[in-house]
Amino acid sequence: MTPLRPDNPLIVQSDRTLLVEVAHPEFERVRDEISRFSELIKSPEHIHTYRISPLSLWNASASGILEETIIEILLMWSKYEIPQNIIQEIKDHSTRYGKIKLIKKNDRLALDIEDRGLFWEISNQKTLQDFLQEPFADQKGIYIRDGSRGEIKLQLIRLGHPVQDLAGFKEGHPLSFELRSHLKESKKPFALRKYQQAAADVFHAGGGPEGGAGVLVLPCGAGKTVIGMACMRGLQTHTLILTTNVTAVKQWKQELLDKTTLASDQIGLYSGEGKEIAPVTIATYQILTYRKDKNGPFDHFKIFEASNWGLIIYDEVHMLPAPVFRAVAELQARRRLGLTATLVREDNKEEDVFSLIGPKRVDVPWKVLEKDGFIATAQCLEIRIPLPHEERMNYAVSDQRQRFRIASENSLKISVIAEILALHPQDSILIIGQYIEQLKIISEYFQSPVLMGQTPEKERERLFNLFRRGELKILIVSKVANFAIDLPDASVAIQVSGTFGSRQEEAQRLGRILRPKDSDNVSYFYTLISRDTTEQEFARNRQLFLTEQGYKYQIQSRHLDSQGKLTPVAES
């Protein structure tokens, strides 16, 4: 029986939840350790709640964390005896990854299953019959139908059996190039950081079947594009890169030309503006999911067969659209790299990412890179503002969705924006919002340009370039700037409205200001919230992922005085 340790900060409960005391001096260490195999559920002031799930344990197993290590961590930090069912579930789920291996046998795809009971369970599972063929003679495995590599992995993980895919990959057409960091005579040398090289090495795994498929999770500003290029260099093969928008497509090309020996004609851009196919081709998710009518074919899926790709990179993999998921299922013979700052998907399809892209191979804590100076230190402030009387009346008689919009477009937010701008006269500032009409009003009030979905690509590039050069100090952006936009000099972000409770959006928006700064390396992330509204409720969920990473939100409040002016309330 485990001795009780009342001074420890952790309580392990039988429903798989872990409660951690925030005020404990070892809180940060415990948080970092349990985050390797559990997920944050909620994070109020004093007690944070995590949950152990099958997927969190499978990801831990895939990254080499043994069940014994998980149990040792819980025993070390728990106040009370760990419920026996938790110990048993950890042993059960942690060891499931690897019990079924997908292999090549006699030039055919097959499931290798050493456990006789598991073999009989799988071979008699009705949902798998369309994919299974004859068993091995020794009944330690079973062949599967050609072309079902992705689908059978999806079906098996939904049955609680994650598959370790060791079937290998097509090599793809060769493509010889170097990173400029490897060329001493280069006029533009740069150095791969240790964690960037380590991430690329984990993905590559020496070129063996254990590597070549997986997701690398690193903070915005940590250089995920550079890691992608390092993975490309390790494989030296034709590569298809998929990303979120045309601006990101062009940024990828610019980075490849700047940091590799690839020539411009070796890099093709495949988007609404042009359809180039080259040894390295960069395309948008949007163009891939385009079709003439909602029941028609996806005209541009042909890009997957346009070359003998040896690697496909899914940038911002958490944004992978459902139709592309289906294409991914057919591309299991290609090496697959997912890059993201957060693997959170609001459609709860994380298991699909695990099966079709690969398990989480690397997850670098944001605060670790902040401590080492690789990303800026961020101060997060939530400012709560009252709704004016007339808007409060409209709010009271509206439905839930309309209430959220009324709260988001609170007219008093303009006064607080002005207050924040006065605090940062020399900084490069992003004002980020969800609602276009709100952004247009802010744009007119502060005489600053607004960039939105309808903004032509040339105008977007012009505004981004002005902002990067410091000639434009305030840029107002809609959610089109949530992802894959490189604005290294932005040091202040003011979030005036956002999507309903989107954790990944919150992380991405903070990420816009995390690139290292030349001076004090500090950035400021302001979120403006209408107090005592649904917006405040959704904000709690939006902040979950960042709270898990160790960020704390300082809360400030404003109230209306007798003259109708906003004044500060005591901070908390």
Protein backbone atom coordinates (compact mmCIF):
# COMPACT_ATOMS: atom_id res chain seq x y z
CA MET A 1 0.00 0.00 0.00
CA THR A 2 1.33 3.44 -0.97
CA PRO A 3 2.04 5.66 2.07
CA LEU A 4 -0.03 8.84 2.24
CA ARG A 5 1.85 12.05 1.39
CA PRO A 6 -0.45 14.94 2.39
CA ASP A 7 2.10 17.56 1.28
CA ASN A 8 2.04 16.35 -2.32
CA PRO A 9 0.10 18.44 -4.91
CA LEU A 10 -1.65 15.68 -6.90
CA ILE A 11 -4.89 13.75 -6.38
CA VAL A 12 -5.56 10.81 -8.72
CA GLN A 13 -9.26 9.97 -8.96
CA SER A 14 -10.97 6.80 -10.14
CA ASP A 15 -12.70 8.61 -13.05
CA ARG A 16 -9.24 9.16 -14.68
CA THR A 17 -9.06 12.79 -13.58
CA LEU A 18 -5.96 14.27 -11.97
CA LEU A 19 -6.32 17.28 -9.65
CA VAL A 20 -3.25 19.49 -9.21
CA GLU A 21 -2.84 22.26 -6.62
CA VAL A 22 -1.69 25.42 -8.40
CA ALA A 23 -0.21 27.02 -5.26
CA HIS A 24 2.12 24.09 -4.56
CA PRO A 25 5.83 24.97 -5.04
CA GLU A 26 6.28 21.95 -7.34
CA PHE A 27 3.20 22.72 -9.45
CA GLU A 28 5.09 23.56 -12.65
CA ARG A 29 7.22 20.42 -12.48
CA VAL A 30 4.19 18.21 -11.83
CA ARG A 31 2.21 19.92 -14.60
CA ASP A 32 5.00 19.34 -17.11
CA GLU A 33 5.34 15.69 -16.14
CA ILE A 34 1.67 14.73 -16.21
CA SER A 35 1.09 16.69 -19.44
CA ARG A 36 3.15 14.01 -21.20
CA PHE A 37 0.33 11.49 -20.73
CA SER A 38 -2.84 13.44 -19.85
CA GLU A 39 -4.95 16.35 -21.15
CA LEU A 40 -6.04 19.55 -19.42
CA ILE A 41 -9.80 19.70 -18.81
CA LYS A 42 -10.25 22.91 -16.79
CA SER A 43 -8.05 25.42 -15.02
CA PRO A 44 -9.69 27.73 -12.47
CA GLU A 45 -7.58 29.60 -9.93
CA HIS A 46 -6.59 26.95 -7.38
CA ILE A 47 -7.05 23.42 -8.76
CA HIS A 48 -6.33 22.34 -12.34
CA THR A 49 -7.99 19.19 -13.67
CA TYR A 50 -6.36 16.81 -16.14
CA ARG A 51 -7.70 13.59 -17.59
CA ILE A 52 -5.93 10.42 -18.63
CA SER A 53 -7.49 9.10 -21.85
CA PRO A 54 -6.70 6.14 -24.13
CA LEU A 55 -5.40 8.55 -26.79
CA SER A 56 -3.15 10.42 -24.36
CA LEU A 57 -1.67 7.08 -23.25
CA TRP A 58 -1.20 5.87 -26.84
CA ASN A 59 0.62 9.08 -27.75
CA ALA A 60 2.79 8.64 -24.67
CA SER A 61 3.60 5.06 -25.68
CA ALA A 62 4.41 6.11 -29.25
CA SER A 63 6.86 8.71 -27.90
CA GLY A 64 8.60 6.09 -25.75
CA ILE A 65 7.07 6.78 -22.35
CA LEU A 66 6.67 3.43 -20.58
CA GLU A 67 3.70 2.50 -18.42
CA GLU A 68 6.12 2.06 -15.49
CA THR A 69 7.25 5.68 -15.91
CA ILE A 70 3.66 6.97 -15.88
CA ILE A 71 2.84 5.01 -12.73
CA GLU A 72 6.07 6.14 -11.05
CA ILE A 73 5.20 9.80 -11.72
CA LEU A 74 1.74 9.37 -10.22
CA LEU A 75 3.13 7.53 -7.18
CA MET A 76 5.76 10.20 -6.64
CA TRP A 77 3.34 13.14 -6.56
CA SER A 78 -0.01 11.76 -5.38
CA LYS A 79 -1.35 12.70 -1.94
CA TYR A 80 -3.33 9.49 -1.60
CA GLU A 81 -3.25 5.93 -2.77
CA ILE A 82 -3.86 5.65 -6.50
CA PRO A 83 -7.15 3.86 -7.32
CA GLN A 84 -6.46 0.35 -8.56
CA ASN A 85 -8.60 0.78 -11.67
CA ILE A 86 -6.34 3.66 -12.81
CA ILE A 87 -3.21 1.52 -12.48
CA GLN A 88 -4.94 -1.22 -14.47
CA GLU A 89 -6.16 1.14 -17.21
CA ILE A 90 -2.71 2.63 -17.62
CA LYS A 91 -1.24 -0.85 -17.99
CA ASP A 92 -4.00 -1.87 -20.41
CA HIS A 93 -4.02 1.15 -22.73
CA SER A 94 -0.29 1.91 -22.64
CA THR A 95 0.53 -1.59 -23.85
CA ARG A 96 -2.10 -1.62 -26.60
CA TYR A 97 0.06 0.49 -28.89
CA GLY A 98 2.31 -2.03 -30.61
CA LYS A 99 0.18 -5.14 -29.96
CA ILE A 100 -1.06 -4.85 -33.54
CA LYS A 101 1.63 -4.04 -36.08
CA LEU A 102 0.98 -3.28 -39.72
CA ILE A 103 3.80 -4.88 -41.72
CA LYS A 104 4.83 -6.01 -45.18
CA LYS A 105 4.86 -9.82 -45.51
CA ASN A 106 5.51 -11.54 -48.82
CA ASP A 107 5.09 -8.12 -50.51
CA ARG A 108 1.60 -7.85 -49.06
CA LEU A 109 0.16 -5.70 -46.28
CA ALA A 110 -0.68 -7.60 -43.14
CA LEU A 111 -1.55 -7.21 -39.47
CA ASP A 112 0.99 -8.87 -37.20
CA ILE A 113 -0.80 -10.01 -34.01
CA GLU A 114 1.18 -12.13 -31.55
CA ASP A 115 -1.61 -12.35 -28.96
CA ARG A 116 -3.88 -15.31 -29.86
CA GLY A 117 -6.95 -13.88 -28.12
CA LEU A 118 -6.52 -10.52 -29.86
CA PHE A 119 -6.05 -12.32 -33.18
CA TRP A 120 -9.43 -14.03 -32.79
CA GLU A 121 -11.10 -10.81 -31.69
CA ILE A 122 -9.82 -8.91 -34.75
CA SER A 123 -10.41 -11.67 -37.29
CA ASN A 124 -14.05 -11.99 -36.17
CA GLN A 125 -14.83 -8.29 -35.90
CA LYS A 126 -17.71 -7.54 -38.30
CA THR A 127 -16.64 -3.96 -39.06
CA LEU A 128 -13.28 -5.25 -40.36
CA GLN A 129 -14.48 -7.99 -42.69
CA ASP A 130 -14.28 -5.83 -45.83
CA PHE A 131 -10.56 -5.27 -45.20
CA LEU A 132 -9.33 -8.66 -43.96
CA GLN A 133 -8.13 -11.53 -46.11
CA GLU A 134 -6.60 -14.90 -45.20
CA PRO A 135 -4.78 -15.44 -41.89
CA PHE A 136 -1.13 -16.51 -41.53
CA ALA A 137 -0.54 -20.24 -41.33
CA ASP A 138 0.53 -19.90 -37.67
CA GLN A 139 -2.48 -17.66 -36.93
CA LYS A 140 -0.25 -14.86 -35.64
CA GLY A 141 -1.46 -12.40 -38.18
CA ILE A 142 -3.73 -11.77 -41.12
CA TYR A 143 -3.35 -10.24 -44.58
CA ILE A 144 -5.39 -7.16 -45.50
CA ARG A 145 -6.85 -5.94 -48.76
CA ASP A 146 -4.69 -3.69 -50.96
CA GLY A 147 -5.59 -0.01 -50.57
CA SER A 148 -7.06 -0.42 -47.08
CA ARG A 149 -4.00 0.65 -45.07
CA GLY A 150 -5.55 3.88 -43.86
CA GLU A 151 -9.12 2.70 -43.42
CA ILE A 152 -8.24 -0.35 -41.35
CA LYS A 153 -6.12 1.78 -39.01
CA LEU A 154 -9.08 4.12 -38.55
CA GLN A 155 -11.45 1.26 -37.82
CA LEU A 156 -9.06 -0.40 -35.39
CA ILE A 157 -8.40 2.74 -33.34
CA ARG A 158 -12.15 3.25 -33.03
CA LEU A 159 -12.26 -0.25 -31.58
CA GLY A 160 -9.60 0.73 -29.06
CA HIS A 161 -6.65 -0.84 -30.87
CA PRO A 162 -4.08 1.67 -32.14
CA VAL A 163 -1.91 0.20 -34.88
CA GLN A 164 1.86 0.58 -35.01
CA ASP A 165 2.49 1.04 -38.72
CA LEU A 166 5.80 -0.59 -39.72
CA ALA A 167 4.89 -1.36 -43.34
CA GLY A 168 7.40 1.13 -44.74
CA PHE A 169 7.02 3.79 -47.40
CA LYS A 170 7.59 4.49 -51.06
CA GLU A 171 10.86 6.33 -51.47
CA GLY A 172 9.56 8.85 -54.01
CA HIS A 173 11.61 10.49 -56.74
CA PRO A 174 15.01 11.64 -55.44
CA LEU A 175 15.71 15.33 -54.89
CA SER A 176 19.20 16.37 -53.86
CA PHE A 177 19.58 19.59 -51.88
CA GLU A 178 21.13 20.96 -48.69
CA LEU A 179 20.20 23.30 -45.89
CA ARG A 180 22.36 26.38 -45.90
CA SER A 181 23.21 25.59 -42.28
CA HIS A 182 25.24 22.65 -43.63
CA LEU A 183 27.18 24.79 -46.11
CA LYS A 184 30.11 26.59 -44.49
CA GLU A 185 30.68 28.68 -47.61
CA SER A 186 27.03 29.82 -47.70
CA LYS A 187 26.38 33.55 -47.83
CA LYS A 188 23.18 32.96 -45.83
CA PRO A 189 24.10 30.44 -43.14
CA PHE A 190 21.75 29.72 -40.27
CA ALA A 191 21.98 27.26 -37.41
CA LEU A 192 19.41 24.60 -36.60
CA ARG A 193 18.58 24.85 -32.92
CA LYS A 194 19.11 21.66 -30.91
CA TYR A 195 15.39 21.04 -30.41
CA GLN A 196 14.75 21.57 -34.14
CA GLN A 197 17.38 19.01 -35.12
CA ALA A 198 16.14 16.63 -32.40
CA ALA A 199 12.55 16.89 -33.71
CA ALA A 200 13.69 16.14 -37.28
CA ASP A 201 15.75 13.18 -36.03
CA VAL A 202 12.81 11.73 -34.09
CA PHE A 203 10.60 11.97 -37.19
CA HIS A 204 13.23 10.45 -39.49
CA ALA A 205 14.24 7.67 -37.05
CA GLY A 206 17.28 6.86 -39.16
CA GLY A 207 15.10 6.20 -42.18
CA GLY A 208 13.61 3.07 -40.61
CA PRO A 209 9.94 2.01 -40.57
CA GLU A 210 9.53 3.32 -37.00
CA GLY A 211 9.82 6.87 -38.36
CA GLY A 212 8.43 8.65 -41.37
CA ALA A 213 4.94 9.33 -40.03
CA GLY A 214 3.89 11.50 -37.13
CA VAL A 215 3.03 14.90 -35.72
CA LEU A 216 5.48 17.42 -34.26
CA VAL A 217 3.88 19.85 -31.79
CA LEU A 218 5.84 23.04 -31.13
CA PRO A 219 4.85 26.59 -30.16
CA CYS A 220 4.20 29.26 -32.76
CA GLY A 221 7.49 31.02 -33.43
CA ALA A 222 9.56 27.90 -32.67
CA GLY A 223 10.46 27.37 -36.32
CA LYS A 224 8.18 24.55 -37.45
CA THR A 225 8.91 25.46 -41.09
CA VAL A 226 12.64 25.03 -40.44
CA ILE A 227 11.96 21.62 -38.86
CA GLY A 228 9.94 20.65 -41.93
CA MET A 229 12.88 21.60 -44.14
CA ALA A 230 15.25 19.57 -41.94
CA CYS A 231 12.95 16.55 -42.39
CA MET A 232 12.96 17.14 -46.15
CA ARG A 233 16.75 17.27 -46.18
CA GLY A 234 16.95 13.96 -44.30
CA LEU A 235 14.80 12.24 -46.95
CA GLN A 236 16.04 13.98 -50.15
CA THR A 237 12.84 13.28 -52.05
CA HIS A 238 10.02 15.00 -53.95
CA THR A 239 7.78 16.68 -51.37
CA LEU A 240 4.20 17.95 -51.34
CA ILE A 241 3.51 20.65 -48.72
CA LEU A 242 -0.10 21.47 -47.78
CA THR A 243 -0.89 24.61 -45.81
CA THR A 244 -3.73 26.94 -44.89
CA ASN A 245 -3.69 29.89 -47.32
CA VAL A 246 -1.91 31.53 -50.25
CA THR A 247 0.15 33.77 -47.98
CA ALA A 248 1.49 30.72 -46.17
CA VAL A 249 2.24 29.05 -49.52
CA LYS A 250 4.40 32.01 -50.54
CA GLN A 251 6.09 32.14 -47.14
CA TRP A 252 7.06 28.47 -47.45
CA LYS A 253 8.64 29.15 -50.85
CA GLN A 254 10.48 32.20 -49.53
CA GLU A 255 11.84 30.20 -46.59
CA LEU A 256 12.91 27.31 -48.84
CA LEU A 257 14.78 29.67 -51.16
CA ASP A 258 16.37 31.47 -48.21
CA LYS A 259 17.44 28.42 -46.19
CA THR A 260 18.05 25.65 -48.76
CA THR A 261 19.93 25.21 -52.02
CA LEU A 262 16.70 24.57 -53.93
CA ALA A 263 16.28 26.75 -57.01
CA SER A 264 13.10 28.70 -57.72
CA ASP A 265 12.12 26.41 -60.61
CA GLN A 266 12.28 23.40 -58.26
CA ILE A 267 9.46 24.84 -56.13
CA GLY A 268 5.92 24.97 -57.53
CA LEU A 269 2.96 26.90 -56.10
CA TYR A 270 -0.42 25.23 -56.52
CA SER A 271 -3.26 27.56 -55.58
CA GLY A 272 -6.06 29.63 -57.05
CA GLU A 273 -3.41 31.86 -58.61
CA GLY A 274 -1.55 29.11 -60.52
CA LYS A 275 -1.16 25.35 -60.83
CA GLU A 276 2.58 24.62 -60.84
CA ILE A 277 3.87 21.10 -60.20
CA ALA A 278 7.57 20.85 -59.28
CA PRO A 279 9.83 18.55 -57.20
CA VAL A 280 8.64 20.57 -54.17
CA THR A 281 5.02 21.62 -54.60
CA ILE A 282 3.18 23.80 -52.08
CA ALA A 283 -0.64 23.85 -52.12
CA THR A 284 -3.50 25.13 -49.98
CA TYR A 285 -6.11 22.99 -48.25
CA GLN A 286 -8.66 25.34 -49.79
CA ILE A 287 -7.75 24.48 -53.39
CA LEU A 288 -7.79 20.76 -52.58
CA THR A 289 -11.33 20.91 -51.19
CA TYR A 290 -12.68 22.98 -54.08
CA ARG A 291 -15.37 21.39 -56.26
CA LYS A 292 -17.84 22.81 -58.74
CA ASP A 293 -20.86 21.60 -56.75
CA LYS A 294 -21.28 20.09 -53.32
CA ASN A 295 -21.82 16.57 -54.65
CA GLY A 296 -19.16 16.72 -57.33
CA PRO A 297 -15.60 15.35 -57.29
CA PHE A 298 -12.67 17.19 -55.74
CA ASP A 299 -11.02 18.32 -58.95
CA HIS A 300 -7.59 18.97 -57.46
CA PHE A 301 -7.07 15.70 -55.59
CA LYS A 302 -5.10 14.69 -58.69
CA ILE A 303 -2.19 16.60 -57.15
CA PHE A 304 -1.58 13.60 -54.86
CA GLU A 305 -0.66 11.53 -57.94
CA ALA A 306 0.96 14.37 -59.90
CA SER A 307 4.42 13.24 -58.80
CA ASN A 308 6.00 10.34 -57.00
CA TRP A 309 6.01 12.11 -53.65
CA GLY A 310 8.29 10.69 -51.00
CA LEU A 311 7.00 13.05 -48.28
CA ILE A 312 3.80 14.98 -47.66
CA ILE A 313 3.92 17.78 -45.07
CA TYR A 314 0.64 18.86 -43.46
CA ASP A 315 1.25 22.35 -42.07
CA GLU A 316 -1.18 23.36 -39.30
CA VAL A 317 -2.32 19.72 -39.30
CA HIS A 318 -5.05 20.43 -36.75
CA MET A 319 -6.80 22.34 -39.58
CA LEU A 320 -6.80 19.34 -41.93
CA PRO A 321 -10.24 19.40 -43.63
CA ALA A 322 -12.42 16.30 -43.57
CA PRO A 323 -12.20 15.67 -47.37
CA VAL A 324 -8.40 15.72 -47.19
CA PHE A 325 -8.62 13.19 -44.33
CA ARG A 326 -10.13 10.79 -46.86
CA ALA A 327 -7.30 11.47 -49.30
CA VAL A 328 -4.80 10.88 -46.50
CA ALA A 329 -6.30 7.43 -45.96
CA GLU A 330 -5.30 6.57 -49.54
CA LEU A 331 -1.76 7.95 -49.13
CA GLN A 332 -0.49 5.69 -46.39
CA ALA A 333 2.48 4.52 -48.49
CA ARG A 334 3.91 8.07 -48.41
CA ARG A 335 5.84 9.51 -45.49
CA ARG A 336 3.62 11.99 -43.63
CA LEU A 337 4.66 14.86 -41.38
CA GLY A 338 2.15 16.93 -39.41
CA LEU A 339 3.21 20.30 -37.99
CA THR A 340 1.14 22.23 -35.45
CA ALA A 341 1.27 24.38 -32.32
CA THR A 342 -1.68 22.51 -30.83
CA LEU A 343 -3.16 19.15 -31.71
CA VAL A 344 -6.53 20.27 -30.35
CA ARG A 345 -9.30 19.81 -32.93
CA GLU A 346 -12.71 21.25 -32.18
CA ASP A 347 -14.31 18.32 -34.08
CA ASN A 348 -12.63 15.82 -31.71
CA LYS A 349 -10.88 14.05 -34.59
CA GLU A 350 -7.55 13.70 -32.78
CA GLU A 351 -7.77 9.91 -33.08
CA ASP A 352 -8.05 10.24 -36.86
CA VAL A 353 -4.90 12.38 -36.93
CA PHE A 354 -3.16 9.67 -34.87
CA SER A 355 -4.14 6.97 -37.36
CA LEU A 356 -3.78 8.77 -40.68
CA ILE A 357 -0.86 11.13 -40.11
CA GLY A 358 0.82 9.32 -37.24
CA PRO A 359 1.24 9.57 -33.47
CA LYS A 360 2.54 12.64 -31.70
CA ARG A 361 6.32 12.28 -31.91
CA VAL A 362 7.40 15.54 -30.27
CA ASP A 363 5.59 17.97 -27.95
CA VAL A 364 7.85 20.78 -26.78
CA PRO A 365 6.38 22.82 -23.88
CA TRP A 366 5.95 26.50 -24.70
CA LYS A 367 7.43 27.64 -21.39
CA VAL A 368 10.62 25.62 -21.96
CA LEU A 369 11.34 27.51 -25.18
CA GLU A 370 10.37 30.79 -23.50
CA LYS A 371 12.84 30.11 -20.68
CA ASP A 372 15.60 29.45 -23.22
CA GLY A 373 14.78 32.66 -25.12
CA PHE A 374 13.65 30.93 -28.30
CA ILE A 375 10.20 32.52 -28.08
CA ALA A 376 9.14 35.76 -26.45
CA THR A 377 7.84 35.95 -22.89
CA ALA A 378 4.12 36.67 -23.12
CA GLN A 379 2.03 38.63 -20.65
CA CYS A 380 -1.64 37.70 -21.06
CA LEU A 381 -4.26 40.16 -19.85
CA GLU A 382 -8.02 39.74 -19.97
CA ILE A 383 -9.88 43.04 -19.66
CA ARG A 384 -13.55 42.73 -18.69
CA ILE A 385 -15.79 45.55 -19.85
CA PRO A 386 -19.47 46.24 -19.04
CA LEU A 387 -22.08 46.30 -21.79
CA PRO A 388 -23.66 49.75 -22.25
CA HIS A 389 -27.28 49.92 -21.09
CA GLU A 390 -28.87 49.82 -24.57
CA GLU A 391 -26.69 46.91 -25.71
CA ARG A 392 -27.43 45.09 -22.45
CA MET A 393 -31.15 45.37 -23.18
CA ASN A 394 -30.68 43.91 -26.67
CA TYR A 395 -28.52 41.17 -25.15
CA ALA A 396 -31.26 40.23 -22.66
CA VAL A 397 -33.88 39.51 -25.34
CA SER A 398 -31.62 37.72 -27.86
CA ASP A 399 -30.90 34.03 -28.45
CA GLN A 400 -27.58 32.41 -27.48
CA ARG A 401 -25.73 32.97 -30.75
CA GLN A 402 -26.86 36.59 -31.07
CA ARG A 403 -25.93 37.24 -27.44
CA PHE A 404 -22.38 36.13 -28.16
CA ARG A 405 -22.15 38.52 -31.08
CA ILE A 406 -23.61 41.45 -29.15
CA ALA A 407 -21.11 40.84 -26.36
CA SER A 408 -18.24 40.47 -28.85
CA GLU A 409 -19.10 43.77 -30.58
CA ASN A 410 -19.43 45.75 -27.35
CA SER A 411 -18.98 49.39 -28.45
CA LEU A 412 -16.98 50.25 -25.32
CA LYS A 413 -14.13 48.04 -26.53
CA ILE A 414 -12.94 50.92 -28.73
CA SER A 415 -12.19 53.01 -25.64
CA VAL A 416 -10.10 50.19 -24.17
CA ILE A 417 -8.25 49.71 -27.47
CA ALA A 418 -7.33 53.40 -27.37
CA GLU A 419 -6.12 52.98 -23.82
CA ILE A 420 -3.90 50.03 -24.80
CA LEU A 421 -2.50 51.81 -27.88
CA ALA A 422 -1.44 54.70 -25.64
CA LEU A 423 0.54 52.24 -23.50
CA HIS A 424 2.47 50.93 -26.52
CA PRO A 425 3.31 53.93 -28.76
CA GLN A 426 6.42 52.32 -30.30
CA ASP A 427 5.21 48.73 -30.66
CA SER A 428 3.94 46.87 -33.73
CA ILE A 429 0.34 46.00 -32.85
CA LEU A 430 -2.16 43.51 -34.24
CA ILE A 431 -5.87 44.02 -33.55
CA ILE A 432 -7.57 40.66 -34.16
CA GLY A 433 -11.29 39.96 -34.41
CA GLN A 434 -14.00 37.66 -35.66
CA TYR A 435 -16.65 40.04 -37.00
CA ILE A 436 -15.90 42.07 -40.12
CA GLU A 437 -18.29 44.94 -39.31
CA GLN A 438 -16.64 45.37 -35.92
CA LEU A 439 -13.19 45.45 -37.54
CA LYS A 440 -14.32 48.02 -40.11
CA ILE A 441 -15.56 50.31 -37.32
CA ILE A 442 -12.23 49.94 -35.49
CA SER A 443 -10.36 50.58 -38.75
CA GLU A 444 -12.24 53.81 -39.39
CA TYR A 445 -11.89 55.00 -35.79
CA PHE A 446 -8.12 54.48 -35.61
CA GLN A 447 -7.41 55.15 -39.30
CA SER A 448 -5.64 51.81 -39.66
CA PRO A 449 -6.03 49.27 -42.49
CA VAL A 450 -8.03 46.10 -42.03
CA LEU A 451 -7.06 42.80 -43.64
CA MET A 452 -9.85 40.25 -44.15
CA GLY A 453 -10.84 37.31 -46.33
CA GLN A 454 -11.94 39.54 -49.24
CA THR A 455 -8.65 41.47 -49.27
CA PRO A 456 -6.87 40.76 -52.60
CA GLU A 457 -3.65 38.80 -52.25
CA LYS A 458 -1.47 41.65 -53.57
CA GLU A 459 -2.96 44.04 -51.01
CA ARG A 460 -2.39 41.48 -48.25
CA GLU A 461 1.26 41.19 -49.21
CA ARG A 462 1.63 44.97 -49.35
CA LEU A 463 0.15 45.40 -45.86
CA PHE A 464 2.21 42.57 -44.40
CA ASN A 465 5.39 44.01 -45.90
CA LEU A 466 4.63 47.50 -44.56
CA PHE A 467 4.04 45.97 -41.13
CA ARG A 468 7.25 43.92 -41.25
CA ARG A 469 9.29 47.00 -42.21
CA GLY A 470 7.78 49.03 -39.36
CA GLU A 471 6.16 51.54 -41.70
CA LEU A 472 2.74 50.40 -40.50
CA LYS A 473 2.44 50.16 -36.72
CA ILE A 474 -1.18 49.00 -36.37
CA LEU A 475 -2.71 46.27 -38.51
CA ILE A 476 -6.29 45.07 -38.03
CA VAL A 477 -6.83 41.44 -39.07
CA SER A 478 -9.72 39.00 -39.22
CA LYS A 479 -9.36 35.27 -38.58
CA VAL A 480 -7.50 34.91 -41.92
CA ALA A 481 -4.38 35.83 -39.95
CA ASN A 482 -4.87 33.08 -37.35
CA PHE A 483 -2.54 30.66 -39.11
CA ALA A 484 0.89 30.47 -40.70
CA ILE A 485 1.49 34.21 -41.00
CA ASP A 486 5.04 35.33 -40.29
CA LEU A 487 5.02 38.75 -38.61
CA PRO A 488 8.22 38.65 -36.56
CA ASP A 489 8.06 42.22 -35.24
CA ALA A 490 4.52 42.05 -33.80
CA SER A 491 4.83 42.45 -30.05
CA VAL A 492 1.26 43.36 -29.02
CA ALA A 493 -1.99 41.60 -29.93
CA ILE A 494 -5.42 42.94 -28.97
CA GLN A 495 -8.11 40.28 -29.37
CA VAL A 496 -11.48 41.99 -29.65
CA SER A 497 -13.57 38.95 -30.57
CA GLY A 498 -13.14 35.28 -31.38
CA THR A 499 -14.74 31.98 -32.29
CA PHE A 500 -16.96 30.21 -29.75
CA GLY A 501 -14.54 28.71 -27.21
CA SER A 502 -11.85 27.77 -29.77
CA ARG A 503 -8.73 26.70 -27.87
CA GLN A 504 -6.56 26.33 -30.96
CA GLU A 505 -7.54 29.80 -32.20
CA GLU A 506 -6.45 31.34 -28.89
CA ALA A 507 -3.09 29.57 -29.13
CA GLN A 508 -2.57 30.60 -32.75
CA ARG A 509 -3.39 34.23 -32.03
CA LEU A 510 -0.94 34.39 -29.16
CA GLY A 511 1.55 32.74 -31.52
CA ARG A 512 1.46 35.75 -33.83
CA ILE A 513 3.52 37.72 -31.27
CA LEU A 514 5.85 35.03 -29.89
CA ARG A 515 8.79 35.31 -32.27
CA PRO A 516 11.93 36.37 -30.34
CA LYS A 517 12.41 40.12 -29.99
CA ASP A 518 15.70 42.02 -30.14
CA SER A 519 15.09 44.13 -27.02
CA ASP A 520 13.44 42.81 -23.84
CA ASN A 521 11.82 39.81 -25.62
CA VAL A 522 8.42 40.48 -24.03
CA SER A 523 5.07 40.47 -25.84
CA TYR A 524 1.59 41.47 -24.65
CA PHE A 525 -1.62 39.60 -25.42
CA TYR A 526 -4.80 41.51 -24.52
CA THR A 527 -8.25 39.94 -24.71
CA LEU A 528 -11.27 42.24 -24.42
CA ILE A 529 -14.32 40.54 -22.90
CA SER A 530 -17.83 41.79 -22.10
CA ARG A 531 -18.28 41.11 -18.41
CA ASP A 532 -21.07 38.78 -17.18
CA THR A 533 -21.92 37.55 -20.69
CA THR A 534 -21.60 34.37 -22.73
CA GLU A 535 -18.38 35.81 -24.16
CA GLN A 536 -16.81 35.60 -20.71
CA GLU A 537 -17.96 31.99 -20.38
CA PHE A 538 -16.50 30.99 -23.75
CA ALA A 539 -13.24 32.79 -22.93
CA ARG A 540 -12.58 30.31 -20.13
CA ASN A 541 -12.60 27.43 -22.58
CA ARG A 542 -10.56 29.37 -25.16
CA GLN A 543 -7.78 29.79 -22.60
CA LEU A 544 -7.52 26.11 -21.62
CA PHE A 545 -4.72 25.11 -23.95
CA LEU A 546 -2.55 28.10 -23.08
CA THR A 547 -3.18 27.56 -19.37
CA GLU A 548 -1.95 23.99 -19.80
CA GLN A 549 1.24 25.44 -21.28
CA GLY A 550 1.76 27.50 -18.14
CA TYR A 551 0.39 30.89 -19.18
CA LYS A 552 -1.56 32.90 -16.62
CA TYR A 553 -4.17 35.48 -17.49
CA GLN A 554 -4.14 38.62 -15.40
CA ILE A 555 -7.71 39.87 -15.02
CA GLN A 556 -8.51 43.58 -15.18
CA SER A 557 -11.98 45.11 -15.01
CA ARG A 558 -13.54 48.39 -16.08
CA HIS A 559 -16.82 49.96 -14.97
CA LEU A 560 -18.86 52.93 -16.11
CA ASP A 561 -18.76 55.91 -13.78
CA SER A 562 -21.58 58.43 -13.33
CA GLN A 563 -20.37 60.39 -16.38
CA GLY A 564 -20.47 57.26 -18.56
CA LYS A 565 -16.69 56.91 -18.71
CA LEU A 566 -14.79 53.66 -18.25
CA THR A 567 -12.59 53.53 -15.16
CA PRO A 568 -10.38 50.73 -13.84
CA VAL A 569 -11.45 48.43 -11.03
CA ALA A 570 -8.93 46.83 -8.65
CA GLU A 571 -6.90 44.18 -10.51
CA SER A 572 -6.83 40.48 -9.63
